[in-house]
Amino acid sequence: MTVQPPARRPCASCPYREDVPPGIWAEKEYAKLPTFDEPTWAQPGTLFLCHQHDRDDDRARVCAGWAGCHDMSQSLGLRIAAASGEVTPETAEAIYDYVSPVPLFASGAEAAAHGRSGIDDPDIDAVLAIRKIERRRTDLTEPKGN
């Protein structure tokens, strides 16, 4: 299966969007974002996919916020995906050329700091976004303890 290019605009719950409420994702999801700010050799060797679909879903696509925030010409994950065939040459080109139509944070670190700021006390907008995500992606929710 090949990964699809980014959507025309980052989804409404994208952690890279400046207008997304903080605290809608788990800490482990926010922790991934700053790793893509690192020099190429220190970055994860994987693509950052949109949270709307599972990696093995035919609709899996590169996160538009990730593609718009980070310098894709320096992306280790994109280089590996292009070399391995995980993305087609056309998809790689679409990722390299992607420009977000909505404001994004300037870095993964900024996006993560914003997101983490609401984890312990999400506002009503965050709670509504969380509920929508839970309806769509029950595999991302952690089981409640006893």
N, C-alpha and C. Protein backbone atom coordinates (compact mmCIF):
# COMPACT_ATOMS: atom_id res chain seq x y z
N MET A 1 0.84 -1.19 0.00
CA MET A 1 0.00 0.00 0.00
C MET A 1 0.88 1.25 0.00
N THR A 2 0.49 2.22 -0.79
CA THR A 2 1.22 3.48 -0.78
C THR A 2 0.41 4.52 -0.03
N VAL A 3 1.13 5.43 0.59
CA VAL A 3 0.51 6.51 1.35
C VAL A 3 0.10 7.62 0.39
N GLN A 4 -1.06 8.20 0.65
CA GLN A 4 -1.61 9.27 -0.20
C GLN A 4 -0.98 10.62 0.14
N PRO A 5 -1.08 11.58 -0.78
CA PRO A 5 -0.55 12.93 -0.51
C PRO A 5 -1.38 13.64 0.55
N PRO A 6 -0.89 14.76 1.06
CA PRO A 6 -1.65 15.49 2.07
C PRO A 6 -2.98 16.01 1.52
N ALA A 7 -3.93 16.19 2.40
CA ALA A 7 -5.21 16.80 2.04
C ALA A 7 -4.96 18.26 1.65
N ARG A 8 -5.93 18.87 1.02
CA ARG A 8 -5.78 20.28 0.61
C ARG A 8 -5.54 21.20 1.80
N ARG A 9 -6.11 20.83 2.93
CA ARG A 9 -5.93 21.63 4.15
C ARG A 9 -5.81 20.69 5.33
N PRO A 10 -5.04 21.07 6.34
CA PRO A 10 -4.95 20.23 7.54
C PRO A 10 -6.33 20.05 8.16
N CYS A 11 -6.58 18.85 8.67
CA CYS A 11 -7.90 18.55 9.25
C CYS A 11 -8.17 19.42 10.47
N ALA A 12 -9.41 19.45 10.87
CA ALA A 12 -9.86 20.32 11.95
C ALA A 12 -9.23 19.99 13.30
N SER A 13 -8.67 18.79 13.45
CA SER A 13 -8.04 18.41 14.72
C SER A 13 -6.52 18.29 14.59
N CYS A 14 -5.95 18.81 13.51
CA CYS A 14 -4.51 18.69 13.28
C CYS A 14 -3.73 19.42 14.38
N PRO A 15 -2.78 18.76 15.03
CA PRO A 15 -2.03 19.40 16.10
C PRO A 15 -1.11 20.53 15.63
N TYR A 16 -0.89 20.63 14.33
CA TYR A 16 -0.04 21.71 13.80
C TYR A 16 -0.81 23.00 13.54
N ARG A 17 -2.14 22.95 13.51
CA ARG A 17 -2.95 24.14 13.25
C ARG A 17 -2.95 25.06 14.46
N GLU A 18 -2.77 26.34 14.22
CA GLU A 18 -2.78 27.33 15.31
C GLU A 18 -4.16 27.46 15.94
N ASP A 19 -5.23 27.17 15.18
CA ASP A 19 -6.58 27.37 15.70
C ASP A 19 -7.20 26.13 16.33
N VAL A 20 -6.43 25.06 16.47
CA VAL A 20 -6.95 23.85 17.11
C VAL A 20 -6.82 23.99 18.63
N PRO A 21 -7.85 23.64 19.36
CA PRO A 21 -7.76 23.76 20.82
C PRO A 21 -6.65 22.88 21.39
N PRO A 22 -5.99 23.35 22.43
CA PRO A 22 -4.95 22.52 23.06
C PRO A 22 -5.55 21.36 23.83
N GLY A 23 -4.78 20.29 23.94
CA GLY A 23 -5.17 19.19 24.80
C GLY A 23 -6.03 18.12 24.18
N ILE A 24 -6.17 18.11 22.86
CA ILE A 24 -7.06 17.10 22.27
C ILE A 24 -6.36 15.77 22.02
N TRP A 25 -5.05 15.77 21.97
CA TRP A 25 -4.29 14.53 21.75
C TRP A 25 -3.56 14.14 23.02
N ALA A 26 -3.18 12.88 23.11
CA ALA A 26 -2.42 12.37 24.25
C ALA A 26 -0.99 12.90 24.20
N GLU A 27 -0.35 12.94 25.34
CA GLU A 27 1.03 13.41 25.43
C GLU A 27 1.94 12.69 24.43
N LYS A 28 1.76 11.38 24.28
CA LYS A 28 2.64 10.62 23.38
C LYS A 28 2.51 11.10 21.94
N GLU A 29 1.35 11.62 21.56
CA GLU A 29 1.18 12.17 20.21
C GLU A 29 1.89 13.51 20.08
N TYR A 30 1.77 14.37 21.07
CA TYR A 30 2.47 15.66 21.03
C TYR A 30 3.99 15.47 21.08
N ALA A 31 4.44 14.44 21.77
CA ALA A 31 5.88 14.19 21.89
C ALA A 31 6.54 13.89 20.54
N LYS A 32 5.77 13.41 19.59
CA LYS A 32 6.32 13.10 18.26
C LYS A 32 6.67 14.36 17.47
N LEU A 33 5.92 15.43 17.66
CA LEU A 33 6.04 16.61 16.80
C LEU A 33 7.43 17.25 16.79
N PRO A 34 8.05 17.50 17.94
CA PRO A 34 9.37 18.16 17.91
C PRO A 34 10.48 17.31 17.30
N THR A 35 10.29 16.01 17.23
CA THR A 35 11.34 15.16 16.67
C THR A 35 11.59 15.45 15.20
N PHE A 36 10.60 16.03 14.52
CA PHE A 36 10.74 16.37 13.11
C PHE A 36 11.42 17.73 12.91
N ASP A 37 11.68 18.45 14.01
CA ASP A 37 12.43 19.71 13.95
C ASP A 37 13.94 19.46 13.92
N GLU A 38 14.34 18.27 14.26
CA GLU A 38 15.76 17.93 14.38
C GLU A 38 16.47 17.97 13.03
N PRO A 39 17.80 17.98 13.04
CA PRO A 39 18.53 17.84 11.77
C PRO A 39 18.12 16.54 11.10
N THR A 40 18.25 16.48 9.81
CA THR A 40 17.78 15.32 9.03
C THR A 40 18.23 14.00 9.63
N TRP A 41 19.51 13.88 9.97
CA TRP A 41 20.05 12.61 10.45
C TRP A 41 19.44 12.17 11.79
N ALA A 42 18.86 13.11 12.54
CA ALA A 42 18.31 12.79 13.86
C ALA A 42 16.79 12.64 13.86
N GLN A 43 16.15 12.83 12.72
CA GLN A 43 14.70 12.73 12.62
C GLN A 43 14.24 11.28 12.57
N PRO A 44 12.96 11.04 12.89
CA PRO A 44 12.40 9.71 12.67
C PRO A 44 12.45 9.37 11.18
N GLY A 45 12.65 8.12 10.88
CA GLY A 45 12.72 7.68 9.49
C GLY A 45 11.37 7.29 8.94
N THR A 46 10.32 7.89 9.47
CA THR A 46 8.96 7.57 9.04
C THR A 46 8.21 8.83 8.67
N LEU A 47 7.16 8.66 7.90
CA LEU A 47 6.26 9.76 7.59
C LEU A 47 5.36 10.01 8.80
N PHE A 48 4.88 11.23 8.95
CA PHE A 48 3.88 11.55 9.96
C PHE A 48 2.55 11.58 9.23
N LEU A 49 1.69 10.64 9.57
CA LEU A 49 0.41 10.50 8.88
C LEU A 49 -0.71 11.23 9.59
N CYS A 50 -1.72 11.58 8.82
CA CYS A 50 -2.91 12.21 9.36
C CYS A 50 -3.57 11.24 10.33
N HIS A 51 -4.06 11.77 11.43
CA HIS A 51 -4.69 10.96 12.46
C HIS A 51 -6.10 10.49 12.09
N GLN A 52 -6.59 10.87 10.93
CA GLN A 52 -7.96 10.50 10.57
C GLN A 52 -8.11 9.03 10.17
N HIS A 53 -6.99 8.38 9.77
CA HIS A 53 -7.07 6.99 9.32
C HIS A 53 -5.90 6.19 9.86
N ASP A 54 -6.09 4.90 10.00
CA ASP A 54 -5.01 3.99 10.39
C ASP A 54 -3.96 3.93 9.29
N ARG A 55 -2.73 3.59 9.65
CA ARG A 55 -1.63 3.48 8.69
C ARG A 55 -1.94 2.45 7.60
N ASP A 56 -2.63 1.36 7.95
CA ASP A 56 -2.91 0.31 6.97
C ASP A 56 -4.21 0.54 6.19
N ASP A 57 -4.86 1.66 6.41
CA ASP A 57 -6.09 2.03 5.69
C ASP A 57 -5.69 2.54 4.30
N ASP A 58 -6.44 2.16 3.29
CA ASP A 58 -6.17 2.63 1.92
C ASP A 58 -6.26 4.15 1.81
N ARG A 59 -6.92 4.79 2.76
CA ARG A 59 -7.06 6.25 2.74
C ARG A 59 -5.97 6.95 3.53
N ALA A 60 -5.01 6.20 4.08
CA ALA A 60 -3.93 6.81 4.87
C ALA A 60 -3.20 7.85 4.03
N ARG A 61 -2.96 8.99 4.64
CA ARG A 61 -2.29 10.07 3.92
C ARG A 61 -1.32 10.81 4.83
N VAL A 62 -0.40 11.49 4.23
CA VAL A 62 0.55 12.30 4.98
C VAL A 62 -0.22 13.43 5.65
N CYS A 63 0.15 13.75 6.87
CA CYS A 63 -0.47 14.85 7.60
C CYS A 63 -0.16 16.16 6.88
N ALA A 64 -1.20 16.90 6.51
CA ALA A 64 -1.01 18.17 5.82
C ALA A 64 -0.32 19.19 6.72
N GLY A 65 -0.62 19.16 8.01
CA GLY A 65 0.05 20.07 8.94
C GLY A 65 1.54 19.80 9.03
N TRP A 66 1.89 18.52 9.08
CA TRP A 66 3.31 18.13 9.12
C TRP A 66 4.03 18.58 7.86
N ALA A 67 3.41 18.34 6.70
CA ALA A 67 4.02 18.73 5.43
C ALA A 67 4.16 20.25 5.32
N GLY A 68 3.20 20.98 5.88
CA GLY A 68 3.23 22.44 5.80
C GLY A 68 4.12 23.10 6.83
N CYS A 69 4.34 22.45 7.94
CA CYS A 69 5.14 23.02 9.02
C CYS A 69 6.64 22.80 8.82
N HIS A 70 7.01 21.60 8.46
CA HIS A 70 8.42 21.23 8.40
C HIS A 70 8.99 21.39 6.98
N ASP A 71 10.28 21.59 6.90
CA ASP A 71 10.97 21.70 5.61
C ASP A 71 11.11 20.29 5.04
N MET A 72 10.25 19.97 4.11
CA MET A 72 10.23 18.61 3.56
C MET A 72 11.50 18.27 2.78
N SER A 73 12.23 19.27 2.32
CA SER A 73 13.49 18.98 1.63
C SER A 73 14.53 18.43 2.60
N GLN A 74 14.26 18.57 3.90
CA GLN A 74 15.17 18.06 4.93
C GLN A 74 14.59 16.86 5.68
N SER A 75 13.49 16.31 5.19
CA SER A 75 12.78 15.24 5.89
C SER A 75 13.38 13.86 5.61
N LEU A 76 13.91 13.23 6.66
CA LEU A 76 14.44 11.88 6.53
C LEU A 76 13.31 10.90 6.19
N GLY A 77 12.17 11.04 6.84
CA GLY A 77 11.04 10.15 6.60
C GLY A 77 10.58 10.19 5.16
N LEU A 78 10.52 11.38 4.58
CA LEU A 78 10.08 11.49 3.19
C LEU A 78 11.12 10.89 2.25
N ARG A 79 12.38 11.10 2.54
CA ARG A 79 13.43 10.52 1.69
C ARG A 79 13.35 9.00 1.69
N ILE A 80 13.18 8.43 2.87
CA ILE A 80 13.09 6.97 2.97
C ILE A 80 11.82 6.46 2.30
N ALA A 81 10.70 7.14 2.52
CA ALA A 81 9.43 6.72 1.91
C ALA A 81 9.50 6.78 0.39
N ALA A 82 10.14 7.80 -0.15
CA ALA A 82 10.27 7.92 -1.60
C ALA A 82 11.18 6.83 -2.16
N ALA A 83 12.27 6.54 -1.46
CA ALA A 83 13.22 5.53 -1.92
C ALA A 83 12.64 4.12 -1.83
N SER A 84 11.80 3.88 -0.82
CA SER A 84 11.25 2.54 -0.60
C SER A 84 9.96 2.27 -1.38
N GLY A 85 9.39 3.31 -1.96
CA GLY A 85 8.12 3.14 -2.68
C GLY A 85 6.90 3.30 -1.80
N GLU A 86 7.08 3.71 -0.55
CA GLU A 86 5.93 3.94 0.32
C GLU A 86 5.07 5.08 -0.22
N VAL A 87 5.71 6.01 -0.92
CA VAL A 87 4.99 7.06 -1.63
C VAL A 87 5.43 7.03 -3.10
N THR A 88 4.52 7.37 -3.97
CA THR A 88 4.86 7.45 -5.40
C THR A 88 5.66 8.72 -5.64
N PRO A 89 6.35 8.81 -6.77
CA PRO A 89 7.06 10.06 -7.09
C PRO A 89 6.11 11.27 -7.13
N GLU A 90 4.89 11.07 -7.60
CA GLU A 90 3.92 12.16 -7.65
C GLU A 90 3.51 12.61 -6.25
N THR A 91 3.33 11.64 -5.35
CA THR A 91 2.98 11.98 -3.97
C THR A 91 4.15 12.68 -3.29
N ALA A 92 5.36 12.20 -3.51
CA ALA A 92 6.54 12.86 -2.93
C ALA A 92 6.61 14.31 -3.39
N GLU A 93 6.37 14.55 -4.67
CA GLU A 93 6.39 15.92 -5.21
C GLU A 93 5.30 16.77 -4.56
N ALA A 94 4.10 16.19 -4.38
CA ALA A 94 3.01 16.92 -3.73
C ALA A 94 3.37 17.29 -2.29
N ILE A 95 4.07 16.41 -1.61
CA ILE A 95 4.48 16.68 -0.23
C ILE A 95 5.54 17.78 -0.21
N TYR A 96 6.53 17.69 -1.09
CA TYR A 96 7.57 18.73 -1.16
C TYR A 96 6.97 20.10 -1.45
N ASP A 97 5.96 20.15 -2.30
CA ASP A 97 5.39 21.42 -2.75
C ASP A 97 4.24 21.93 -1.87
N TYR A 98 3.82 21.18 -0.87
CA TYR A 98 2.63 21.52 -0.10
C TYR A 98 2.79 22.85 0.66
N VAL A 99 1.75 23.68 0.57
CA VAL A 99 1.65 24.92 1.33
C VAL A 99 0.27 24.94 1.97
N SER A 100 0.22 25.12 3.28
CA SER A 100 -1.06 25.11 3.99
C SER A 100 -1.84 26.40 3.74
N PRO A 101 -3.15 26.28 3.52
CA PRO A 101 -3.99 27.46 3.38
C PRO A 101 -4.43 28.04 4.73
N VAL A 102 -4.10 27.36 5.83
CA VAL A 102 -4.45 27.85 7.17
C VAL A 102 -3.16 28.02 7.98
N PRO A 103 -3.17 28.93 8.96
CA PRO A 103 -1.94 29.16 9.74
C PRO A 103 -1.54 27.93 10.57
N LEU A 104 -0.26 27.61 10.50
CA LEU A 104 0.33 26.51 11.25
C LEU A 104 1.39 27.06 12.20
N PHE A 105 1.69 26.29 13.24
CA PHE A 105 2.80 26.65 14.10
C PHE A 105 4.09 26.59 13.30
N ALA A 106 5.09 27.36 13.71
CA ALA A 106 6.35 27.46 12.98
C ALA A 106 7.24 26.24 13.17
N SER A 107 6.93 25.41 14.15
CA SER A 107 7.76 24.22 14.41
C SER A 107 6.93 23.17 15.14
N GLY A 108 7.46 21.96 15.13
CA GLY A 108 6.82 20.91 15.91
C GLY A 108 6.86 21.20 17.39
N ALA A 109 7.94 21.83 17.85
CA ALA A 109 8.06 22.18 19.27
C ALA A 109 6.97 23.17 19.69
N GLU A 110 6.70 24.17 18.85
CA GLU A 110 5.64 25.13 19.16
C GLU A 110 4.28 24.44 19.18
N ALA A 111 4.03 23.58 18.20
CA ALA A 111 2.76 22.86 18.15
C ALA A 111 2.59 21.98 19.38
N ALA A 112 3.65 21.29 19.76
CA ALA A 112 3.59 20.40 20.94
C ALA A 112 3.35 21.19 22.22
N ALA A 113 4.04 22.32 22.37
CA ALA A 113 3.86 23.14 23.58
C ALA A 113 2.42 23.62 23.68
N HIS A 114 1.86 24.06 22.56
CA HIS A 114 0.46 24.50 22.55
C HIS A 114 -0.46 23.34 22.94
N GLY A 115 -0.28 22.21 22.31
CA GLY A 115 -1.14 21.07 22.57
C GLY A 115 -1.06 20.58 24.01
N ARG A 116 0.16 20.51 24.52
CA ARG A 116 0.36 20.04 25.91
C ARG A 116 -0.27 20.98 26.93
N SER A 117 -0.40 22.25 26.59
CA SER A 117 -0.91 23.23 27.55
C SER A 117 -2.35 22.96 27.97
N GLY A 118 -3.07 22.15 27.22
CA GLY A 118 -4.46 21.88 27.57
C GLY A 118 -4.75 20.46 27.97
N ILE A 119 -3.75 19.62 28.07
CA ILE A 119 -4.00 18.21 28.37
C ILE A 119 -4.68 18.01 29.72
N ASP A 120 -4.24 18.72 30.74
CA ASP A 120 -4.78 18.50 32.08
C ASP A 120 -6.14 19.17 32.31
N ASP A 121 -6.47 20.16 31.49
CA ASP A 121 -7.73 20.88 31.68
C ASP A 121 -8.27 21.36 30.33
N PRO A 122 -8.72 20.43 29.48
CA PRO A 122 -9.21 20.84 28.16
C PRO A 122 -10.49 21.67 28.27
N ASP A 123 -10.58 22.71 27.42
CA ASP A 123 -11.79 23.52 27.41
C ASP A 123 -12.89 22.80 26.62
N ILE A 124 -14.06 23.42 26.53
CA ILE A 124 -15.21 22.77 25.90
C ILE A 124 -14.93 22.47 24.43
N ASP A 125 -14.22 23.36 23.73
CA ASP A 125 -13.90 23.10 22.31
C ASP A 125 -13.01 21.87 22.18
N ALA A 126 -12.06 21.73 23.10
CA ALA A 126 -11.18 20.55 23.08
C ALA A 126 -11.98 19.29 23.39
N VAL A 127 -12.87 19.35 24.35
CA VAL A 127 -13.68 18.18 24.72
C VAL A 127 -14.52 17.74 23.53
N LEU A 128 -15.11 18.68 22.82
CA LEU A 128 -15.92 18.34 21.65
C LEU A 128 -15.05 17.72 20.55
N ALA A 129 -13.85 18.25 20.36
CA ALA A 129 -12.93 17.68 19.36
C ALA A 129 -12.50 16.27 19.76
N ILE A 130 -12.25 16.07 21.05
CA ILE A 130 -11.86 14.75 21.55
C ILE A 130 -12.98 13.74 21.29
N ARG A 131 -14.20 14.14 21.56
CA ARG A 131 -15.34 13.23 21.33
C ARG A 131 -15.47 12.85 19.86
N LYS A 132 -15.25 13.82 18.99
CA LYS A 132 -15.31 13.54 17.55
C LYS A 132 -14.20 12.57 17.15
N ILE A 133 -13.01 12.76 17.67
CA ILE A 133 -11.89 11.86 17.38
C ILE A 133 -12.19 10.46 17.91
N GLU A 134 -12.73 10.38 19.11
CA GLU A 134 -13.05 9.07 19.69
C GLU A 134 -14.08 8.31 18.86
N ARG A 135 -15.04 9.02 18.28
CA ARG A 135 -16.03 8.37 17.42
C ARG A 135 -15.38 7.83 16.15
N ARG A 136 -14.42 8.55 15.63
CA ARG A 136 -13.77 8.16 14.38
C ARG A 136 -12.66 7.15 14.58
N ARG A 137 -11.88 7.29 15.66
CA ARG A 137 -10.67 6.49 15.84
C ARG A 137 -10.64 5.85 17.23
N THR A 138 -11.46 4.89 17.46
CA THR A 138 -11.49 4.24 18.77
C THR A 138 -10.17 3.52 19.07
N ASP A 139 -9.37 3.24 18.05
CA ASP A 139 -8.08 2.59 18.28
C ASP A 139 -7.06 3.52 18.92
N LEU A 140 -7.33 4.82 18.95
CA LEU A 140 -6.40 5.78 19.55
C LEU A 140 -6.69 6.03 21.02
N THR A 141 -7.84 5.59 21.49
CA THR A 141 -8.17 5.84 22.88
C THR A 141 -7.58 4.75 23.77
N GLU A 142 -7.17 5.16 24.95
CA GLU A 142 -6.59 4.22 25.89
C GLU A 142 -7.68 3.70 26.81
N PRO A 143 -7.64 2.39 27.14
CA PRO A 143 -8.66 1.84 28.02
C PRO A 143 -8.64 2.51 29.39
N LYS A 144 -9.80 2.69 29.93
CA LYS A 144 -9.93 3.26 31.28
C LYS A 144 -9.52 2.23 32.33
N GLY A 145 -8.84 2.69 33.37
CA GLY A 145 -8.42 1.79 34.47
C GLY A 145 -9.59 1.39 35.32
N ASN A 146 -9.37 0.44 36.22
CA ASN A 146 -10.46 -0.03 37.10
C ASN A 146 -10.77 0.96 38.15
